[in-house]
Amino acid sequence: MGDKFQSFEELEKNETAGIDYRILARQKKRELGVCAPHGGGIEEGTSEIADAIAGEEFSFYTFEGLKSTNNSELHITSKRFDEPLCIVLIERCKTVLTIHGQESTVDGDGVFIGGLDSELGASIGAALKNAEFAVHKHPEKNLQGLDPSNICNRGMNGKGVQIEISRSVRQGMFSSLSPEGRKKPTGSFDAFVTAVRSVIEQQGRAAQASG
């Protein structure tokens, strides 16, 4: 099923900020930004995961659905996601890491790594495998984050990493995927965040040393 809205401008005209959706952002000086463009009730758990990965060191952005039902109506696909604050934030970052929820049961469970930064993606994938997560490449090429206009590839480097996490894996990261349940992360959440942060922190140190 296609998106209800083709752009943020169109969404903004039909939905109410603070009631139907909200935007959270922190701009940091570090070179990497972590973004969850389908957060809150759209792809549950992705905001919390992205926020924890970013921590206090890296830039963070999320667009969150706040509706009691039908948050999927707020989904704008990654290659058309054009909320202005997000674009400003990620274009100030050399590299962008996006966190998504994989909703299709047809494509299997686990973590799907994509994006044009294949080297960083491979390092993150290896760290997640070491943390005992099942890591795959998405079987559909158009869902591998390879389009240059995909939000993960719109940092200064022109290449980033897209991480899609299946619903079953996200369910294991929280008490439940309800708003209250997402306030109670599990050991699986901690393991996932630690694995990803270990890679991006190492990259950050390497960038500082070379700079």
C-alpha atoms as a PDB file:
ATOM      1  CA  MET A   1       0.000   0.000   0.000  1.00  0.00           C
ATOM      2  CA  GLY A   2       1.332   3.440  -0.919  1.00  0.00           C
ATOM      3  CA  ASP A   3       1.822   6.384   1.400  1.00  0.00           C
ATOM      4  CA  LYS A   4      -1.149   8.605   2.140  1.00  0.00           C
ATOM      5  CA  PHE A   5       1.067  11.694   1.923  1.00  0.00           C
ATOM      6  CA  GLN A   6       3.749  12.238  -0.711  1.00  0.00           C
ATOM      7  CA  SER A   7       5.623  14.944   1.211  1.00  0.00           C
ATOM      8  CA  PHE A   8       5.860  16.507   4.649  1.00  0.00           C
ATOM      9  CA  GLU A   9       4.208  19.681   3.356  1.00  0.00           C
ATOM     10  CA  GLU A  10       1.160  17.642   2.404  1.00  0.00           C
ATOM     11  CA  LEU A  11       1.150  15.816   5.747  1.00  0.00           C
ATOM     12  CA  GLU A  12       1.484  19.071   7.687  1.00  0.00           C
ATOM     13  CA  LYS A  13      -1.628  20.492   6.003  1.00  0.00           C
ATOM     14  CA  ASN A  14      -3.736  17.527   7.106  1.00  0.00           C
ATOM     15  CA  GLU A  15      -2.312  16.552  10.515  1.00  0.00           C
ATOM     16  CA  THR A  16      -1.754  18.508  13.735  1.00  0.00           C
ATOM     17  CA  ALA A  17       1.687  18.880  15.317  1.00  0.00           C
ATOM     18  CA  GLY A  18       1.721  17.906  18.988  1.00  0.00           C
ATOM     19  CA  ILE A  19      -1.477  15.870  18.616  1.00  0.00           C
ATOM     20  CA  ASP A  20      -0.984  13.614  15.596  1.00  0.00           C
ATOM     21  CA  TYR A  21       2.802  13.786  15.416  1.00  0.00           C
ATOM     22  CA  ARG A  22       5.870  15.363  16.964  1.00  0.00           C
ATOM     23  CA  ILE A  23       9.485  15.967  16.006  1.00  0.00           C
ATOM     24  CA  LEU A  24      12.434  15.502  18.362  1.00  0.00           C
ATOM     25  CA  ALA A  25      15.958  16.550  17.407  1.00  0.00           C
ATOM     26  CA  ARG A  26      19.405  17.167  18.872  1.00  0.00           C
ATOM     27  CA  GLN A  27      22.233  18.581  16.787  1.00  0.00           C
ATOM     28  CA  LYS A  28      25.714  17.633  17.971  1.00  0.00           C
ATOM     29  CA  LYS A  29      29.153  18.463  16.663  1.00  0.00           C
ATOM     30  CA  ARG A  30      30.070  14.835  16.019  1.00  0.00           C
ATOM     31  CA  GLU A  31      30.147  13.653  12.444  1.00  0.00           C
ATOM     32  CA  LEU A  32      27.342  11.097  12.556  1.00  0.00           C
ATOM     33  CA  GLY A  33      23.572  11.511  12.863  1.00  0.00           C
ATOM     34  CA  VAL A  34      21.053   8.841  13.878  1.00  0.00           C
ATOM     35  CA  CYS A  35      17.567   9.228  12.439  1.00  0.00           C
ATOM     36  CA  ALA A  36      14.226   7.425  12.944  1.00  0.00           C
ATOM     37  CA  PRO A  37      11.902   8.987  10.350  1.00  0.00           C
ATOM     38  CA  HIS A  38       9.029   6.602  11.155  1.00  0.00           C
ATOM     39  CA  GLY A  39       9.116   6.705  14.949  1.00  0.00           C
ATOM     40  CA  GLY A  40       6.522   6.679  17.695  1.00  0.00           C
ATOM     41  CA  GLY A  41       3.524   4.595  16.668  1.00  0.00           C
ATOM     42  CA  ILE A  42       4.491   4.369  12.993  1.00  0.00           C
ATOM     43  CA  GLU A  43       7.273   1.776  13.369  1.00  0.00           C
ATOM     44  CA  GLU A  44       7.209   1.169  17.112  1.00  0.00           C
ATOM     45  CA  GLY A  45      10.476   1.146  18.996  1.00  0.00           C
ATOM     46  CA  THR A  46      12.571   2.843  16.330  1.00  0.00           C
ATOM     47  CA  SER A  47      12.618   6.238  18.091  1.00  0.00           C
ATOM     48  CA  GLU A  48      13.831   4.703  21.333  1.00  0.00           C
ATOM     49  CA  ILE A  49      16.504   2.637  19.585  1.00  0.00           C
ATOM     50  CA  ALA A  50      17.789   5.603  17.562  1.00  0.00           C
ATOM     51  CA  ASP A  51      17.804   7.868  20.627  1.00  0.00           C
ATOM     52  CA  ALA A  52      19.863   5.376  22.646  1.00  0.00           C
ATOM     53  CA  ILE A  53      22.340   4.817  19.801  1.00  0.00           C
ATOM     54  CA  ALA A  54      22.843   8.568  19.378  1.00  0.00           C
ATOM     55  CA  GLY A  55      23.267   9.141  23.114  1.00  0.00           C
ATOM     56  CA  GLU A  56      24.855  12.441  24.017  1.00  0.00           C
ATOM     57  CA  GLU A  57      27.565  12.216  21.391  1.00  0.00           C
ATOM     58  CA  PHE A  58      25.791  12.001  18.053  1.00  0.00           C
ATOM     59  CA  SER A  59      23.031  14.020  16.391  1.00  0.00           C
ATOM     60  CA  PHE A  60      19.528  12.575  16.727  1.00  0.00           C
ATOM     61  CA  TYR A  61      16.253  13.062  14.882  1.00  0.00           C
ATOM     62  CA  THR A  62      12.891  11.351  14.967  1.00  0.00           C
ATOM     63  CA  PHE A  63       9.483  11.985  13.474  1.00  0.00           C
ATOM     64  CA  GLU A  64       6.956  10.273  15.774  1.00  0.00           C
ATOM     65  CA  GLY A  65       3.359   9.277  15.181  1.00  0.00           C
ATOM     66  CA  LEU A  66       1.192  10.070  18.222  1.00  0.00           C
ATOM     67  CA  LYS A  67      -2.195   8.867  17.018  1.00  0.00           C
ATOM     68  CA  SER A  68      -4.117   6.300  19.058  1.00  0.00           C
ATOM     69  CA  THR A  69      -4.659   4.335  15.820  1.00  0.00           C
ATOM     70  CA  ASN A  70      -3.651   4.463  12.142  1.00  0.00           C
ATOM     71  CA  ASN A  71      -0.181   5.900  12.665  1.00  0.00           C
ATOM     72  CA  SER A  72       0.836   4.191   9.434  1.00  0.00           C
ATOM     73  CA  GLU A  73      -0.949   7.059   7.656  1.00  0.00           C
ATOM     74  CA  LEU A  74       1.975   9.276   8.737  1.00  0.00           C
ATOM     75  CA  HIS A  75       4.569   7.164   6.914  1.00  0.00           C
ATOM     76  CA  ILE A  76       6.511   8.999   4.208  1.00  0.00           C
ATOM     77  CA  THR A  77       8.907   6.716   2.384  1.00  0.00           C
ATOM     78  CA  SER A  78      12.609   7.331   2.963  1.00  0.00           C
ATOM     79  CA  LYS A  79      13.440   8.634  -0.499  1.00  0.00           C
ATOM     80  CA  ARG A  80      10.696  11.268  -0.214  1.00  0.00           C
ATOM     81  CA  PHE A  81      11.083  12.138   3.468  1.00  0.00           C
ATOM     82  CA  ASP A  82      11.600  15.892   3.382  1.00  0.00           C
ATOM     83  CA  GLU A  83      10.674  17.301   6.794  1.00  0.00           C
ATOM     84  CA  PRO A  84      12.774  20.509   6.852  1.00  0.00           C
ATOM     85  CA  LEU A  85      14.386  20.156  10.296  1.00  0.00           C
ATOM     86  CA  CYS A  86      15.485  16.631   9.453  1.00  0.00           C
ATOM     87  CA  ILE A  87      17.065  17.708   6.179  1.00  0.00           C
ATOM     88  CA  VAL A  88      18.982  20.543   7.875  1.00  0.00           C
ATOM     89  CA  LEU A  89      20.241  18.202  10.597  1.00  0.00           C
ATOM     90  CA  ILE A  90      21.393  15.346   8.388  1.00  0.00           C
ATOM     91  CA  GLU A  91      23.021  17.596   5.800  1.00  0.00           C
ATOM     92  CA  ARG A  92      25.303  18.841   8.592  1.00  0.00           C
ATOM     93  CA  CYS A  93      26.392  15.256   9.314  1.00  0.00           C
ATOM     94  CA  LYS A  94      29.048  13.446   7.308  1.00  0.00           C
ATOM     95  CA  THR A  95      27.309  10.103   7.775  1.00  0.00           C
ATOM     96  CA  VAL A  96      23.686   9.223   8.540  1.00  0.00           C
ATOM     97  CA  LEU A  97      22.396   6.056  10.188  1.00  0.00           C
ATOM     98  CA  THR A  98      18.646   5.447   9.926  1.00  0.00           C
ATOM     99  CA  ILE A  99      16.604   3.068  12.069  1.00  0.00           C
ATOM    100  CA  HIS A 100      13.436   1.522  10.634  1.00  0.00           C
ATOM    101  CA  GLY A 101      10.898  -1.113  11.524  1.00  0.00           C
ATOM    102  CA  GLN A 102      10.519  -4.032   9.120  1.00  0.00           C
ATOM    103  CA  GLU A 103       6.829  -4.918   9.192  1.00  0.00           C
ATOM    104  CA  SER A 104       6.615  -7.633   6.541  1.00  0.00           C
ATOM    105  CA  THR A 105       6.552 -11.194   7.838  1.00  0.00           C
ATOM    106  CA  VAL A 106       7.087 -12.443   4.287  1.00  0.00           C
ATOM    107  CA  ASP A 107      10.666 -11.144   4.253  1.00  0.00           C
ATOM    108  CA  GLY A 108      11.602 -12.889   7.500  1.00  0.00           C
ATOM    109  CA  ASP A 109      12.783 -11.919  10.935  1.00  0.00           C
ATOM    110  CA  GLY A 110      16.000 -10.281  11.997  1.00  0.00           C
ATOM    111  CA  VAL A 111      17.950  -7.152  11.142  1.00  0.00           C
ATOM    112  CA  PHE A 112      18.338  -5.932   7.549  1.00  0.00           C
ATOM    113  CA  ILE A 113      21.362  -3.751   6.776  1.00  0.00           C
ATOM    114  CA  GLY A 114      21.330  -1.454   3.738  1.00  0.00           C
ATOM    115  CA  GLY A 115      22.499   1.932   2.535  1.00  0.00           C
ATOM    116  CA  LEU A 116      25.320   3.046   0.250  1.00  0.00           C
ATOM    117  CA  ASP A 117      28.022   2.929   2.958  1.00  0.00           C
ATOM    118  CA  SER A 118      28.650  -0.783   2.574  1.00  0.00           C
ATOM    119  CA  GLU A 119      31.835  -0.702   4.656  1.00  0.00           C
ATOM    120  CA  LEU A 120      30.200   0.826   7.717  1.00  0.00           C
ATOM    121  CA  GLY A 121      27.128  -1.346   7.179  1.00  0.00           C
ATOM    122  CA  ALA A 122      29.293  -4.479   7.137  1.00  0.00           C
ATOM    123  CA  SER A 123      30.994  -3.439  10.383  1.00  0.00           C
ATOM    124  CA  ILE A 124      27.648  -2.816  12.081  1.00  0.00           C
ATOM    125  CA  GLY A 125      26.307  -6.107  10.741  1.00  0.00           C
ATOM    126  CA  ALA A 126      29.322  -8.006  12.095  1.00  0.00           C
ATOM    127  CA  ALA A 127      28.928  -6.394  15.524  1.00  0.00           C
ATOM    128  CA  LEU A 128      25.231  -7.298  15.603  1.00  0.00           C
ATOM    129  CA  LYS A 129      25.987 -10.881  14.570  1.00  0.00           C
ATOM    130  CA  ASN A 130      28.518 -11.094  17.407  1.00  0.00           C
ATOM    131  CA  ALA A 131      25.713  -9.929  19.705  1.00  0.00           C
ATOM    132  CA  GLU A 132      23.644 -12.877  18.388  1.00  0.00           C
ATOM    133  CA  PHE A 133      21.243 -10.965  16.159  1.00  0.00           C
ATOM    134  CA  ALA A 134      20.292 -12.483  12.801  1.00  0.00           C
ATOM    135  CA  VAL A 135      21.565 -10.072  10.142  1.00  0.00           C
ATOM    136  CA  HIS A 136      20.505 -10.115   6.477  1.00  0.00           C
ATOM    137  CA  LYS A 137      20.442  -8.083   3.301  1.00  0.00           C
ATOM    138  CA  HIS A 138      16.848  -7.290   2.361  1.00  0.00           C
ATOM    139  CA  PRO A 139      15.697  -9.603  -0.448  1.00  0.00           C
ATOM    140  CA  GLU A 140      14.114  -6.720  -2.382  1.00  0.00           C
ATOM    141  CA  LYS A 141      16.685  -4.386  -3.918  1.00  0.00           C
ATOM    142  CA  ASN A 142      14.382  -1.360  -3.747  1.00  0.00           C
ATOM    143  CA  LEU A 143      14.274  -1.799   0.053  1.00  0.00           C
ATOM    144  CA  GLN A 144      18.044  -1.933   0.498  1.00  0.00           C
ATOM    145  CA  GLY A 145      18.492   1.830   0.928  1.00  0.00           C
ATOM    146  CA  LEU A 146      20.553   2.201  -2.266  1.00  0.00           C
ATOM    147  CA  ASP A 147      18.733   5.188  -3.774  1.00  0.00           C
ATOM    148  CA  PRO A 148      20.906   8.341  -3.430  1.00  0.00           C
ATOM    149  CA  SER A 149      17.767  10.256  -2.395  1.00  0.00           C
ATOM    150  CA  ASN A 150      17.144   7.852   0.502  1.00  0.00           C
ATOM    151  CA  ILE A 151      17.455   9.806   3.721  1.00  0.00           C
ATOM    152  CA  CYS A 152      20.318   7.608   4.933  1.00  0.00           C
ATOM    153  CA  ASN A 153      22.407   8.722   1.932  1.00  0.00           C
ATOM    154  CA  ARG A 154      21.827  12.461   2.265  1.00  0.00           C
ATOM    155  CA  GLY A 155      24.655  13.305   4.643  1.00  0.00           C
ATOM    156  CA  MET A 156      27.784  15.094   3.418  1.00  0.00           C
ATOM    157  CA  ASN A 157      29.427  11.808   2.382  1.00  0.00           C
ATOM    158  CA  GLY A 158      26.498  10.926   0.128  1.00  0.00           C
ATOM    159  CA  LYS A 159      26.344   7.462   1.651  1.00  0.00           C
ATOM    160  CA  GLY A 160      24.988   6.088   4.900  1.00  0.00           C
ATOM    161  CA  VAL A 161      23.528   3.026   6.583  1.00  0.00           C
ATOM    162  CA  GLN A 162      19.917   1.893   6.832  1.00  0.00           C
ATOM    163  CA  ILE A 163      18.977  -0.593   9.568  1.00  0.00           C
ATOM    164  CA  GLU A 164      15.565  -2.248   9.365  1.00  0.00           C
ATOM    165  CA  ILE A 165      14.535  -4.284  12.407  1.00  0.00           C
ATOM    166  CA  SER A 166      11.760  -6.859  12.153  1.00  0.00           C
ATOM    167  CA  ARG A 167       8.759  -6.580  14.444  1.00  0.00           C
ATOM    168  CA  SER A 168       9.640  -9.764  16.312  1.00  0.00           C
ATOM    169  CA  VAL A 169      13.127  -8.457  17.126  1.00  0.00           C
ATOM    170  CA  ARG A 170      11.729  -5.121  18.289  1.00  0.00           C
ATOM    171  CA  GLN A 171       9.153  -6.883  20.441  1.00  0.00           C
ATOM    172  CA  GLY A 172      12.031  -8.635  22.202  1.00  0.00           C
ATOM    173  CA  MET A 173      13.655  -5.288  22.967  1.00  0.00           C
ATOM    174  CA  PHE A 174      10.808  -3.957  25.105  1.00  0.00           C
ATOM    175  CA  SER A 175       8.246  -5.091  27.615  1.00  0.00           C
ATOM    176  CA  SER A 176       5.809  -4.505  24.739  1.00  0.00           C
ATOM    177  CA  LEU A 177       5.559  -2.201  21.717  1.00  0.00           C
ATOM    178  CA  SER A 178       2.843  -0.090  23.345  1.00  0.00           C
ATOM    179  CA  PRO A 179       3.838   3.452  24.406  1.00  0.00           C
ATOM    180  CA  GLU A 180       4.135   2.287  28.033  1.00  0.00           C
ATOM    181  CA  GLY A 181       5.916  -0.934  27.128  1.00  0.00           C
ATOM    182  CA  ARG A 182       8.536   0.961  25.136  1.00  0.00           C
ATOM    183  CA  LYS A 183       9.576   2.738  28.335  1.00  0.00           C
ATOM    184  CA  LYS A 184      10.824  -0.639  29.625  1.00  0.00           C
ATOM    185  CA  PRO A 185      13.703  -1.842  27.438  1.00  0.00           C
ATOM    186  CA  THR A 186      15.114  -5.339  27.834  1.00  0.00           C
ATOM    187  CA  GLY A 187      18.599  -6.833  27.695  1.00  0.00           C
ATOM    188  CA  SER A 188      18.131  -7.358  23.972  1.00  0.00           C
ATOM    189  CA  PHE A 189      17.686  -3.594  23.538  1.00  0.00           C
ATOM    190  CA  ASP A 190      20.894  -2.953  25.482  1.00  0.00           C
ATOM    191  CA  ALA A 191      22.807  -5.537  23.439  1.00  0.00           C
ATOM    192  CA  PHE A 192      21.626  -4.035  20.142  1.00  0.00           C
ATOM    193  CA  VAL A 193      22.465  -0.469  21.128  1.00  0.00           C
ATOM    194  CA  THR A 194      25.857  -1.444  22.540  1.00  0.00           C
ATOM    195  CA  ALA A 195      26.782  -3.328  19.371  1.00  0.00           C
ATOM    196  CA  VAL A 196      25.923  -0.439  17.044  1.00  0.00           C
ATOM    197  CA  ARG A 197      27.497   2.195  19.293  1.00  0.00           C
ATOM    198  CA  SER A 198      30.746   0.223  19.505  1.00  0.00           C
ATOM    199  CA  VAL A 199      31.129   0.595  15.742  1.00  0.00           C
ATOM    200  CA  ILE A 200      30.147   4.233  15.364  1.00  0.00           C
ATOM    201  CA  GLU A 201      32.230   5.286  18.378  1.00  0.00           C
ATOM    202  CA  GLN A 202      35.246   3.573  16.840  1.00  0.00           C
ATOM    203  CA  GLN A 203      34.559   5.331  13.546  1.00  0.00           C
ATOM    204  CA  GLY A 204      34.276   8.634  15.399  1.00  0.00           C
ATOM    205  CA  ARG A 205      37.639   8.126  17.107  1.00  0.00           C
ATOM    206  CA  ALA A 206      39.252   7.229  13.783  1.00  0.00           C
ATOM    207  CA  ALA A 207      37.813  10.357  12.159  1.00  0.00           C
ATOM    208  CA  GLN A 208      39.117  12.562  14.978  1.00  0.00           C
ATOM    209  CA  ALA A 209      42.577  10.986  14.758  1.00  0.00           C
ATOM    210  CA  SER A 210      42.766  11.533  10.997  1.00  0.00           C
ATOM    211  CA  GLY A 211      41.412  15.058  11.307  1.00  0.00           C
END
